[in-house]
Protein backbone atom coordinates (compact mmCIF):
# COMPACT_ATOMS: atom_id res chain seq x y z
CA MET A 1 -65.57 200.63 -21.47
CA PHE A 2 -65.17 198.01 -23.94
CA LYS A 3 -62.96 199.90 -26.26
CA GLU A 4 -59.70 198.89 -24.50
CA ILE A 5 -58.68 196.30 -22.13
CA ASN A 6 -54.52 197.61 -20.67
CA GLY A 7 -53.98 199.29 -24.00
CA LEU A 8 -55.20 196.27 -26.08
CA PRO A 9 -58.26 196.16 -28.28
CA GLY A 10 -60.90 194.60 -25.80
CA HIS A 11 -62.55 192.78 -28.33
CA VAL A 12 -59.38 190.89 -29.41
CA LEU A 13 -59.52 189.19 -25.73
CA VAL A 14 -62.71 189.03 -24.94
CA VAL A 15 -63.70 186.75 -28.38
CA HIS A 16 -60.84 184.11 -27.61
CA ALA A 17 -62.94 183.25 -24.50
CA VAL A 18 -66.34 182.92 -26.94
CA VAL A 19 -64.13 180.73 -29.30
CA VAL A 20 -64.13 178.37 -26.18
CA PHE A 21 -66.92 178.83 -24.04
CA VAL A 22 -69.54 178.58 -27.14
CA PRO A 23 -68.69 175.39 -28.15
CA LEU A 24 -68.06 173.96 -24.71
CA LEU A 25 -71.67 175.20 -24.14
CA ALA A 26 -72.65 173.54 -27.07
CA LEU A 27 -71.28 169.79 -26.19
CA LEU A 28 -71.95 169.78 -22.82
CA ALA A 29 -75.57 171.06 -22.73
CA SER A 30 -76.11 168.34 -26.19
CA ALA A 31 -74.44 165.65 -23.90
CA TYR A 32 -76.32 166.42 -20.72
CA GLY A 33 -79.89 165.99 -23.04
CA LEU A 34 -78.45 163.00 -25.16
CA MET A 35 -77.11 160.94 -22.50
CA PRO A 36 -79.20 160.94 -19.13
CA ARG A 37 -76.32 158.65 -17.64
CA TRP A 38 -74.14 161.63 -17.69
CA ARG A 39 -76.43 164.66 -16.39
CA PRO A 40 -75.02 164.28 -12.66
CA ARG A 41 -71.50 164.66 -13.73
CA LEU A 42 -72.50 167.76 -16.36
CA ASP A 43 -75.28 169.47 -14.53
CA TRP A 44 -73.22 172.02 -12.74
CA ALA A 45 -70.73 172.16 -15.65
CA VAL A 46 -73.88 173.40 -17.90
CA ALA A 47 -75.73 175.36 -15.56
CA ILE A 48 -71.95 177.70 -15.08
CA LEU A 49 -71.45 177.47 -19.00
CA ALA A 50 -75.17 178.63 -19.45
CA VAL A 51 -74.94 181.61 -17.39
CA VAL A 52 -71.89 182.84 -18.22
CA THR A 53 -71.77 182.71 -22.59
CA PRO A 54 -74.28 184.50 -22.92
CA VAL A 55 -72.22 187.39 -21.07
CA LEU A 56 -68.97 186.92 -22.51
CA ALA A 57 -70.69 186.89 -25.89
CA TRP A 58 -72.73 189.87 -25.44
CA VAL A 59 -69.31 191.33 -23.72
CA ALA A 60 -67.75 190.10 -27.21
CA THR A 61 -70.44 191.97 -29.20
CA GLU A 62 -70.47 195.36 -27.79
CA SER A 63 -66.43 195.72 -27.69
CA GLY A 64 -66.49 194.59 -31.06
CA GLU A 65 -69.10 197.70 -32.39
CA ALA A 66 -66.40 199.89 -30.20
CA PHE A 67 -63.78 198.17 -31.80
CA GLU A 68 -65.34 198.80 -35.47
CA ALA A 69 -66.25 202.65 -34.44
CA ALA A 70 -62.67 203.11 -33.83
CA LEU A 71 -61.44 201.38 -37.02
CA ARG A 72 -64.21 203.92 -39.13
CA ALA A 73 -62.87 206.49 -36.96
CA LYS A 74 -59.14 205.96 -38.24
CA GLY A 75 -60.38 205.83 -41.54
CA TYR A 76 -59.75 202.34 -43.10
CA SER A 77 -60.66 201.23 -46.04
CA PRO A 78 -64.03 200.62 -47.51
CA GLU A 79 -63.35 197.06 -48.20
CA LEU A 80 -61.55 195.88 -44.96
CA LEU A 81 -64.99 197.80 -42.87
CA ALA A 82 -67.20 196.08 -45.20
CA LYS A 83 -65.34 192.56 -44.00
CA ILE A 84 -65.55 193.58 -40.54
CA HIS A 85 -69.21 194.50 -41.12
CA GLU A 86 -70.11 191.17 -42.35
CA HIS A 87 -68.06 189.86 -39.33
CA SER A 88 -70.19 192.04 -37.06
CA GLU A 89 -73.09 190.92 -38.24
CA TYR A 90 -72.10 186.97 -37.88
CA GLY A 91 -71.49 188.01 -34.30
CA GLU A 92 -74.85 189.37 -33.61
CA THR A 93 -76.76 186.20 -34.81
CA LEU A 94 -73.98 184.11 -32.82
CA GLN A 95 -75.20 186.43 -29.87
CA TRP A 96 -78.61 185.39 -30.35
CA PHE A 97 -78.12 181.85 -30.89
CA THR A 98 -75.68 181.43 -27.81
CA ILE A 99 -78.48 183.63 -25.84
CA GLY A 100 -81.34 181.02 -26.95
CA LEU A 101 -79.25 177.77 -26.57
CA ALA A 102 -78.39 178.65 -22.88
CA VAL A 103 -82.30 179.67 -21.62
CA ALA A 104 -82.81 175.83 -23.57
CA ALA A 105 -80.08 174.48 -21.27
CA LEU A 106 -81.56 175.68 -18.51
CA LEU A 107 -84.85 174.68 -19.46
CA LEU A 108 -83.15 171.11 -19.87
CA LEU A 109 -81.60 171.40 -16.45
CA ALA A 110 -85.25 172.58 -14.68
CA VAL A 111 -87.14 169.87 -16.49
CA THR A 112 -84.54 166.81 -15.30
CA SER A 113 -83.15 168.14 -12.18
CA ASN A 114 -84.64 167.03 -8.67
CA ARG A 115 -83.43 169.83 -7.11
CA VAL A 116 -86.40 171.89 -8.62
CA ARG A 117 -90.03 171.62 -8.47
CA THR A 118 -91.41 171.23 -11.98
CA PRO A 119 -95.24 170.42 -12.03
CA ASP A 120 -95.74 166.87 -13.69
CA LEU A 121 -94.62 167.39 -17.05
CA PRO A 122 -95.17 164.73 -20.43
CA ALA A 123 -92.34 162.66 -20.34
CA TRP A 124 -92.05 164.01 -24.16
CA THR A 125 -90.85 167.37 -23.04
CA THR A 126 -87.12 166.53 -22.30
CA TRP A 127 -87.02 164.71 -25.69
CA VAL A 128 -88.29 168.04 -27.05
CA LEU A 129 -85.99 170.55 -24.98
CA THR A 130 -83.26 168.04 -26.20
CA ALA A 131 -84.09 168.53 -29.89
CA ILE A 132 -84.20 172.28 -28.99
CA THR A 133 -80.49 172.40 -27.22
CA VAL A 134 -78.69 170.32 -29.85
CA VAL A 135 -80.38 172.65 -32.85
CA LEU A 136 -79.21 175.80 -31.30
CA ALA A 137 -76.08 173.95 -30.38
CA VAL A 138 -75.32 172.76 -34.07
CA PHE A 139 -76.27 176.87 -35.34
CA ALA A 140 -74.15 178.15 -32.48
CA LEU A 141 -71.46 176.40 -33.60
CA VAL A 142 -71.61 176.84 -37.35
CA TYR A 143 -72.00 180.75 -36.05
CA VAL A 144 -68.54 180.37 -33.98
CA TYR A 145 -66.98 179.25 -36.87
CA LEU A 146 -68.44 181.87 -39.45
CA THR A 147 -67.66 184.87 -36.98
CA GLY A 148 -64.44 183.40 -35.91
CA ASP A 149 -63.40 182.91 -39.96
CA SER A 150 -64.95 186.05 -41.18
CA GLY A 151 -63.07 188.32 -38.45
CA ALA A 152 -59.53 186.26 -39.01
CA ALA A 153 -60.24 187.00 -42.84
CA SER A 154 -60.73 190.42 -42.39
CA VAL A 155 -57.30 190.96 -40.23
CA TRP A 156 -55.22 188.29 -41.85
CA SER A 157 -55.88 188.72 -45.61
CA ASN A 158 -53.82 191.34 -46.38
CA THR A 159 -51.11 190.56 -44.00
CA PHE A 160 -49.10 187.69 -46.09
């Protein structure tokens, strides 16, 4: 299922969505928490991104594993496979940070939204969730960079 899309490696196509959606989720969820005036404008975007982005990260991880298995089966060099394995490890970590960020963003939405009935929570709850969201957003952004850079390096290092 994750191996090919229309004859092309599925991973190569899906990662572009992750490279766009993870930073969008990180930035909009952080803005939602840090700028209360913007919350009515950002709530739906954050909610949609918090649901879609972890799914895309999972699909990218699964398609990457299928792609790595295909490259191993074709007998690619151990040096290249080591770079791909490093890229894979970064991608797995990114997936977990993305899931954590999405959960934190959804909890922040639930606590600050008037649509969801939450028990009387202390005022600091919003700031704690905002801090958690921002920290997870920073880690997600770092791992998007590390994952993308290691993937690009494994593809392009021997090309030029």
